């Protein structure tokens, strides 16, 4: 656990612990180019108002949660990670204004990418395949989900009490249900013309 700023964790093997690496109340820090595996709970965990951090180019596998943001963590970037064989690949809870982009989330037992009680996040250009839920939102609104390839999941996108999200230009391929929603009303086209 680290409670500081301007920290870099890179080129490390973070394995066989309760949590691979945990930042709390941390800003302007980086977790890059690591292998994070076989941790009992979280592989990479940002919590408690952690802001403006970058999680990039990591291989995250065989943890319970692969990459997790919780408790009002905002303005973080999760990019270019390979997240596989976790229970849940990438998960945000009570966190807003984060970017999840260009990740591969595959073969996670439950969700590939999930949001719970989280708003104003961007999920873009990810490849999400062979999970139970590809991208799932629970009680989450005002997020943007665009340009993702979502394939071979039980449910491609699952929306549960999640409205006012913008969802467009995604590729849905051979999911059990391409989209499944309950008590959710969303915008299914871009809000401006795209060339």
C-alpha atoms as a PDB file:
ATOM      1  CA  UNK A   1       0.000   0.000   0.000  1.00  0.00           C
ATOM      2  CA  UNK A   2       1.184   3.479  -0.838  1.00  0.00           C
ATOM      3  CA  UNK A   3      -0.243   6.785   0.386  1.00  0.00           C
ATOM      4  CA  UNK A   4       1.880   9.296  -1.498  1.00  0.00           C
ATOM      5  CA  UNK A   5       2.219  11.066  -4.862  1.00  0.00           C
ATOM      6  CA  UNK A   6       4.447  10.891  -7.920  1.00  0.00           C
ATOM      7  CA  UNK A   7       5.207   7.175  -7.479  1.00  0.00           C
ATOM      8  CA  UNK A   8       6.211   4.856 -10.325  1.00  0.00           C
ATOM      9  CA  UNK A   9       5.907   1.065 -10.113  1.00  0.00           C
ATOM     10  CA  UNK A  10       7.345  -0.528 -13.263  1.00  0.00           C
ATOM     11  CA  UNK A  11       8.981  -3.618 -14.710  1.00  0.00           C
ATOM     12  CA  UNK A  12       8.097  -5.746 -11.674  1.00  0.00           C
ATOM     13  CA  UNK A  13       6.538  -9.132 -10.992  1.00  0.00           C
ATOM     14  CA  UNK A  14       3.826  -8.527  -8.376  1.00  0.00           C
ATOM     15  CA  UNK A  15       2.514 -11.934  -7.374  1.00  0.00           C
ATOM     16  CA  UNK A  16       1.250 -14.175  -4.554  1.00  0.00           C
ATOM     17  CA  UNK A  17       0.115 -11.461  -2.125  1.00  0.00           C
ATOM     18  CA  UNK A  18      -3.284 -10.244  -0.926  1.00  0.00           C
ATOM     19  CA  UNK A  19      -2.994  -7.289  -3.336  1.00  0.00           C
ATOM     20  CA  UNK A  20      -0.323  -6.921  -6.000  1.00  0.00           C
ATOM     21  CA  UNK A  21      -0.061  -3.128  -5.726  1.00  0.00           C
ATOM     22  CA  UNK A  22      -2.392  -0.743  -3.883  1.00  0.00           C
ATOM     23  CA  UNK A  23      -2.490   3.049  -4.100  1.00  0.00           C
ATOM     24  CA  UNK A  24      -4.722   5.059  -1.773  1.00  0.00           C
ATOM     25  CA  UNK A  25      -5.079   8.831  -1.709  1.00  0.00           C
ATOM     26  CA  UNK A  26      -2.421   8.833  -4.423  1.00  0.00           C
ATOM     27  CA  UNK A  27      -2.052  11.234  -7.342  1.00  0.00           C
ATOM     28  CA  UNK A  28       0.130  11.662 -10.419  1.00  0.00           C
ATOM     29  CA  UNK A  29       1.576   8.156 -10.190  1.00  0.00           C
ATOM     30  CA  UNK A  30       2.164   5.325 -12.659  1.00  0.00           C
ATOM     31  CA  UNK A  31       1.853   1.537 -12.655  1.00  0.00           C
ATOM     32  CA  UNK A  32       3.425   0.437 -15.951  1.00  0.00           C
ATOM     33  CA  UNK A  33       4.933  -2.617 -17.634  1.00  0.00           C
ATOM     34  CA  UNK A  34       4.364  -5.032 -14.749  1.00  0.00           C
ATOM     35  CA  UNK A  35       3.190  -8.626 -14.560  1.00  0.00           C
ATOM     36  CA  UNK A  36       0.579  -8.843 -11.807  1.00  0.00           C
ATOM     37  CA  UNK A  37      -0.644 -12.373 -11.128  1.00  0.00           C
ATOM     38  CA  UNK A  38      -2.005 -14.863  -8.614  1.00  0.00           C
ATOM     39  CA  UNK A  39      -2.904 -12.332  -5.935  1.00  0.00           C
ATOM     40  CA  UNK A  40      -5.656 -13.359  -3.568  1.00  0.00           C
ATOM     41  CA  UNK A  41      -7.798 -10.243  -3.998  1.00  0.00           C
ATOM     42  CA  UNK A  42      -6.813  -7.343  -6.269  1.00  0.00           C
ATOM     43  CA  UNK A  43      -4.032  -7.289  -8.798  1.00  0.00           C
ATOM     44  CA  UNK A  44      -3.904  -3.479  -9.081  1.00  0.00           C
ATOM     45  CA  UNK A  45      -6.029  -1.413  -6.689  1.00  0.00           C
ATOM     46  CA  UNK A  46      -6.550   2.371  -6.568  1.00  0.00           C
ATOM     47  CA  UNK A  47      -8.789   3.684  -3.820  1.00  0.00           C
ATOM     48  CA  UNK A  48      -9.838   6.617  -1.605  1.00  0.00           C
ATOM     49  CA  UNK A  49      -9.691   9.663  -3.868  1.00  0.00           C
ATOM     50  CA  UNK A  50      -6.753   8.470  -5.982  1.00  0.00           C
ATOM     51  CA  UNK A  51      -6.536  10.826  -8.962  1.00  0.00           C
ATOM     52  CA  UNK A  52      -4.616  11.475 -12.155  1.00  0.00           C
ATOM     53  CA  UNK A  53      -2.812   8.129 -12.159  1.00  0.00           C
ATOM     54  CA  UNK A  54      -1.882   5.904 -15.110  1.00  0.00           C
ATOM     55  CA  UNK A  55      -2.161   2.106 -15.214  1.00  0.00           C
ATOM     56  CA  UNK A  56      -0.691   1.011 -18.546  1.00  0.00           C
ATOM     57  CA  UNK A  57       0.945  -1.861 -20.411  1.00  0.00           C
ATOM     58  CA  UNK A  58       0.543  -4.384 -17.595  1.00  0.00           C
ATOM     59  CA  UNK A  59      -0.248  -8.095 -17.817  1.00  0.00           C
ATOM     60  CA  UNK A  60      -2.812  -8.853 -15.111  1.00  0.00           C
ATOM     61  CA  UNK A  61      -3.960 -12.433 -14.635  1.00  0.00           C
ATOM     62  CA  UNK A  62      -5.247 -14.962 -12.111  1.00  0.00           C
ATOM     63  CA  UNK A  63      -6.314 -12.442  -9.457  1.00  0.00           C
ATOM     64  CA  UNK A  64      -9.824 -12.063  -8.038  1.00  0.00           C
ATOM     65  CA  UNK A  65     -10.160  -8.503  -9.344  1.00  0.00           C
ATOM     66  CA  UNK A  66      -7.636  -7.656 -12.035  1.00  0.00           C
ATOM     67  CA  UNK A  67      -7.620  -3.826 -11.964  1.00  0.00           C
ATOM     68  CA  UNK A  68      -9.914  -2.021  -9.520  1.00  0.00           C
ATOM     69  CA  UNK A  69     -10.742   1.631  -8.793  1.00  0.00           C
ATOM     70  CA  UNK A  70     -12.912   2.364  -5.753  1.00  0.00           C
ATOM     71  CA  UNK A  71     -14.035   5.085  -3.369  1.00  0.00           C
ATOM     72  CA  UNK A  72     -14.096   8.226  -5.477  1.00  0.00           C
ATOM     73  CA  UNK A  73     -11.037   7.633  -7.621  1.00  0.00           C
ATOM     74  CA  UNK A  74     -11.187   9.963 -10.633  1.00  0.00           C
ATOM     75  CA  UNK A  75      -9.325  11.168 -13.699  1.00  0.00           C
ATOM     76  CA  UNK A  76      -7.264   7.983 -13.926  1.00  0.00           C
ATOM     77  CA  UNK A  77      -6.252   6.240 -17.160  1.00  0.00           C
ATOM     78  CA  UNK A  78      -6.316   2.446 -17.588  1.00  0.00           C
ATOM     79  CA  UNK A  79      -4.784   1.741 -21.006  1.00  0.00           C
ATOM     80  CA  UNK A  80      -3.107  -0.973 -23.062  1.00  0.00           C
ATOM     81  CA  UNK A  81      -3.336  -3.657 -20.373  1.00  0.00           C
ATOM     82  CA  UNK A  82      -3.959  -7.361 -20.928  1.00  0.00           C
ATOM     83  CA  UNK A  83      -6.363  -8.559 -18.241  1.00  0.00           C
ATOM     84  CA  UNK A  84      -7.306 -12.233 -18.289  1.00  0.00           C
ATOM     85  CA  UNK A  85      -8.292 -15.217 -16.139  1.00  0.00           C
ATOM     86  CA  UNK A  86      -9.413 -13.062 -13.229  1.00  0.00           C
ATOM     87  CA  UNK A  87     -12.858 -13.274 -11.692  1.00  0.00           C
ATOM     88  CA  UNK A  88     -13.471  -9.683 -12.836  1.00  0.00           C
ATOM     89  CA  UNK A  89     -11.060  -8.037 -15.262  1.00  0.00           C
ATOM     90  CA  UNK A  90     -11.420  -4.255 -14.802  1.00  0.00           C
ATOM     91  CA  UNK A  91     -13.868  -2.878 -12.242  1.00  0.00           C
ATOM     92  CA  UNK A  92     -14.772   0.658 -11.135  1.00  0.00           C
ATOM     93  CA  UNK A  93     -16.972   1.386  -8.132  1.00  0.00           C
ATOM     94  CA  UNK A  94     -18.005   4.860  -6.945  1.00  0.00           C
ATOM     95  CA  UNK A  95     -15.487   6.360  -9.381  1.00  0.00           C
ATOM     96  CA  UNK A  96     -15.933   8.953 -12.109  1.00  0.00           C
ATOM     97  CA  UNK A  97     -14.205  10.655 -15.032  1.00  0.00           C
ATOM     98  CA  UNK A  98     -11.807   7.773 -15.706  1.00  0.00           C
ATOM     99  CA  UNK A  99     -10.699   6.430 -19.084  1.00  0.00           C
ATOM    100  CA  UNK A 100     -10.523   2.709 -19.885  1.00  0.00           C
ATOM    101  CA  UNK A 101      -9.009   2.406 -23.361  1.00  0.00           C
ATOM    102  CA  UNK A 102      -7.185  -0.034 -25.635  1.00  0.00           C
ATOM    103  CA  UNK A 103      -7.220  -2.912 -23.137  1.00  0.00           C
ATOM    104  CA  UNK A 104      -7.748  -6.594 -23.832  1.00  0.00           C
ATOM    105  CA  UNK A 105     -10.082  -8.166 -21.255  1.00  0.00           C
ATOM    106  CA  UNK A 106     -10.626 -11.849 -21.956  1.00  0.00           C
ATOM    107  CA  UNK A 107     -11.399 -15.138 -20.244  1.00  0.00           C
ATOM    108  CA  UNK A 108     -12.435 -13.510 -16.975  1.00  0.00           C
ATOM    109  CA  UNK A 109     -14.907 -15.724 -15.108  1.00  0.00           C
ATOM    110  CA  UNK A 110     -17.486 -12.992 -14.539  1.00  0.00           C
ATOM    111  CA  UNK A 111     -17.031  -9.551 -16.086  1.00  0.00           C
ATOM    112  CA  UNK A 112     -14.510  -8.233 -18.554  1.00  0.00           C
ATOM    113  CA  UNK A 113     -15.065  -4.526 -17.774  1.00  0.00           C
ATOM    114  CA  UNK A 114     -17.562  -3.452 -15.109  1.00  0.00           C
ATOM    115  CA  UNK A 115     -18.868  -0.252 -13.546  1.00  0.00           C
ATOM    116  CA  UNK A 116     -20.817  -0.033 -10.310  1.00  0.00           C
ATOM    117  CA  UNK A 117     -22.294   3.259  -9.088  1.00  0.00           C
ATOM    118  CA  UNK A 118     -19.883   5.085 -11.398  1.00  0.00           C
ATOM    119  CA  UNK A 119     -20.476   7.940 -13.830  1.00  0.00           C
ATOM    120  CA  UNK A 120     -18.851  10.002 -16.568  1.00  0.00           C
ATOM    121  CA  UNK A 121     -16.277   7.346 -17.464  1.00  0.00           C
ATOM    122  CA  UNK A 122     -15.132   6.507 -20.988  1.00  0.00           C
ATOM    123  CA  UNK A 123     -14.764   2.887 -22.141  1.00  0.00           C
ATOM    124  CA  UNK A 124     -13.272   2.973 -25.647  1.00  0.00           C
ATOM    125  CA  UNK A 125     -11.325   0.854 -28.124  1.00  0.00           C
ATOM    126  CA  UNK A 126     -11.141  -2.218 -25.891  1.00  0.00           C
ATOM    127  CA  UNK A 127     -11.280  -5.858 -26.977  1.00  0.00           C
ATOM    128  CA  UNK A 128     -13.565  -7.742 -24.594  1.00  0.00           C
ATOM    129  CA  UNK A 129     -14.070 -11.454 -25.233  1.00  0.00           C
ATOM    130  CA  UNK A 130     -14.955 -14.792 -23.659  1.00  0.00           C
ATOM    131  CA  UNK A 131     -16.186 -13.440 -20.321  1.00  0.00           C
ATOM    132  CA  UNK A 132     -19.551 -14.063 -18.664  1.00  0.00           C
ATOM    133  CA  UNK A 133     -20.378 -10.351 -19.072  1.00  0.00           C
ATOM    134  CA  UNK A 134     -18.411  -8.368 -21.613  1.00  0.00           C
ATOM    135  CA  UNK A 135     -19.127  -4.839 -20.370  1.00  0.00           C
ATOM    136  CA  UNK A 136     -21.533  -4.540 -17.453  1.00  0.00           C
ATOM    137  CA  UNK A 137     -22.953  -1.445 -15.782  1.00  0.00           C
ATOM    138  CA  UNK A 138     -24.787  -1.493 -12.454  1.00  0.00           C
ATOM    139  CA  UNK A 139     -26.488   1.691 -11.258  1.00  0.00           C
ATOM    140  CA  UNK A 140     -24.119   3.718 -13.471  1.00  0.00           C
ATOM    141  CA  UNK A 141     -24.983   6.680 -15.685  1.00  0.00           C
ATOM    142  CA  UNK A 142     -23.535   9.262 -18.065  1.00  0.00           C
ATOM    143  CA  UNK A 143     -20.734   6.972 -19.251  1.00  0.00           C
ATOM    144  CA  UNK A 144     -19.525   6.672 -22.847  1.00  0.00           C
ATOM    145  CA  UNK A 145     -18.984   3.208 -24.371  1.00  0.00           C
ATOM    146  CA  UNK A 146     -17.605   3.479 -27.898  1.00  0.00           C
ATOM    147  CA  UNK A 147     -15.521   1.632 -30.498  1.00  0.00           C
ATOM    148  CA  UNK A 148     -15.141  -1.563 -28.474  1.00  0.00           C
ATOM    149  CA  UNK A 149     -15.091  -5.069 -29.923  1.00  0.00           C
ATOM    150  CA  UNK A 150     -17.236  -7.286 -27.700  1.00  0.00           C
ATOM    151  CA  UNK A 151     -17.296 -10.958 -28.682  1.00  0.00           C
ATOM    152  CA  UNK A 152     -18.124 -14.438 -27.415  1.00  0.00           C
ATOM    153  CA  UNK A 153     -19.404 -13.325 -24.017  1.00  0.00           C
ATOM    154  CA  UNK A 154     -22.589 -14.677 -22.429  1.00  0.00           C
ATOM    155  CA  UNK A 155     -23.882 -11.067 -22.454  1.00  0.00           C
ATOM    156  CA  UNK A 156     -22.089  -8.530 -24.630  1.00  0.00           C
ATOM    157  CA  UNK A 157     -23.259  -5.456 -22.726  1.00  0.00           C
ATOM    158  CA  UNK A 158     -25.321  -5.806 -19.552  1.00  0.00           C
ATOM    159  CA  UNK A 159     -27.102  -2.710 -18.217  1.00  0.00           C
ATOM    160  CA  UNK A 160     -28.807  -2.938 -14.834  1.00  0.00           C
ATOM    161  CA  UNK A 161     -30.539   0.220 -13.573  1.00  0.00           C
ATOM    162  CA  UNK A 162     -28.073   2.177 -15.736  1.00  0.00           C
ATOM    163  CA  UNK A 163     -29.435   5.018 -17.875  1.00  0.00           C
ATOM    164  CA  UNK A 164     -28.249   8.044 -19.822  1.00  0.00           C
ATOM    165  CA  UNK A 165     -25.118   6.308 -21.077  1.00  0.00           C
ATOM    166  CA  UNK A 166     -23.898   6.935 -24.635  1.00  0.00           C
ATOM    167  CA  UNK A 167     -23.234   3.652 -26.450  1.00  0.00           C
ATOM    168  CA  UNK A 168     -22.166   3.688 -30.107  1.00  0.00           C
ATOM    169  CA  UNK A 169     -19.881   2.246 -32.798  1.00  0.00           C
ATOM    170  CA  UNK A 170     -19.231  -0.992 -30.905  1.00  0.00           C
ATOM    171  CA  UNK A 171     -18.822  -4.347 -32.647  1.00  0.00           C
ATOM    172  CA  UNK A 172     -20.954  -7.107 -31.095  1.00  0.00           C
ATOM    173  CA  UNK A 173     -19.906 -10.546 -32.326  1.00  0.00           C
ATOM    174  CA  UNK A 174     -21.352 -13.916 -31.297  1.00  0.00           C
ATOM    175  CA  UNK A 175     -22.391 -12.989 -27.761  1.00  0.00           C
ATOM    176  CA  UNK A 176     -25.149 -15.073 -26.160  1.00  0.00           C
ATOM    177  CA  UNK A 177     -27.127 -11.843 -25.807  1.00  0.00           C
ATOM    178  CA  UNK A 178     -25.582  -8.968 -27.692  1.00  0.00           C
ATOM    179  CA  UNK A 179     -27.211  -6.545 -25.236  1.00  0.00           C
ATOM    180  CA  UNK A 180     -29.211  -7.266 -22.099  1.00  0.00           C
ATOM    181  CA  UNK A 181     -30.771  -4.459 -20.088  1.00  0.00           C
ATOM    182  CA  UNK A 182     -33.129  -4.053 -17.167  1.00  0.00           C
ATOM    183  CA  UNK A 183     -34.775  -0.763 -16.167  1.00  0.00           C
ATOM    184  CA  UNK A 184     -32.276   1.159 -18.303  1.00  0.00           C
ATOM    185  CA  UNK A 185     -32.745   3.802 -21.029  1.00  0.00           C
ATOM    186  CA  UNK A 186     -29.644   4.793 -22.967  1.00  0.00           C
ATOM    187  CA  UNK A 187     -28.474   6.640 -26.075  1.00  0.00           C
ATOM    188  CA  UNK A 188     -27.495   4.150 -28.791  1.00  0.00           C
ATOM    189  CA  UNK A 189     -25.980   6.500 -31.365  1.00  0.00           C
ATOM    190  CA  UNK A 190     -23.279   9.158 -31.409  1.00  0.00           C
ATOM    191  CA  UNK A 191     -24.462  12.558 -30.270  1.00  0.00           C
ATOM    192  CA  UNK A 192     -22.765  14.289 -33.201  1.00  0.00           C
ATOM    193  CA  UNK A 193     -21.899  13.285 -36.759  1.00  0.00           C
ATOM    194  CA  UNK A 194     -18.789  11.099 -37.109  1.00  0.00           C
ATOM    195  CA  UNK A 195     -16.760  11.141 -40.318  1.00  0.00           C
END
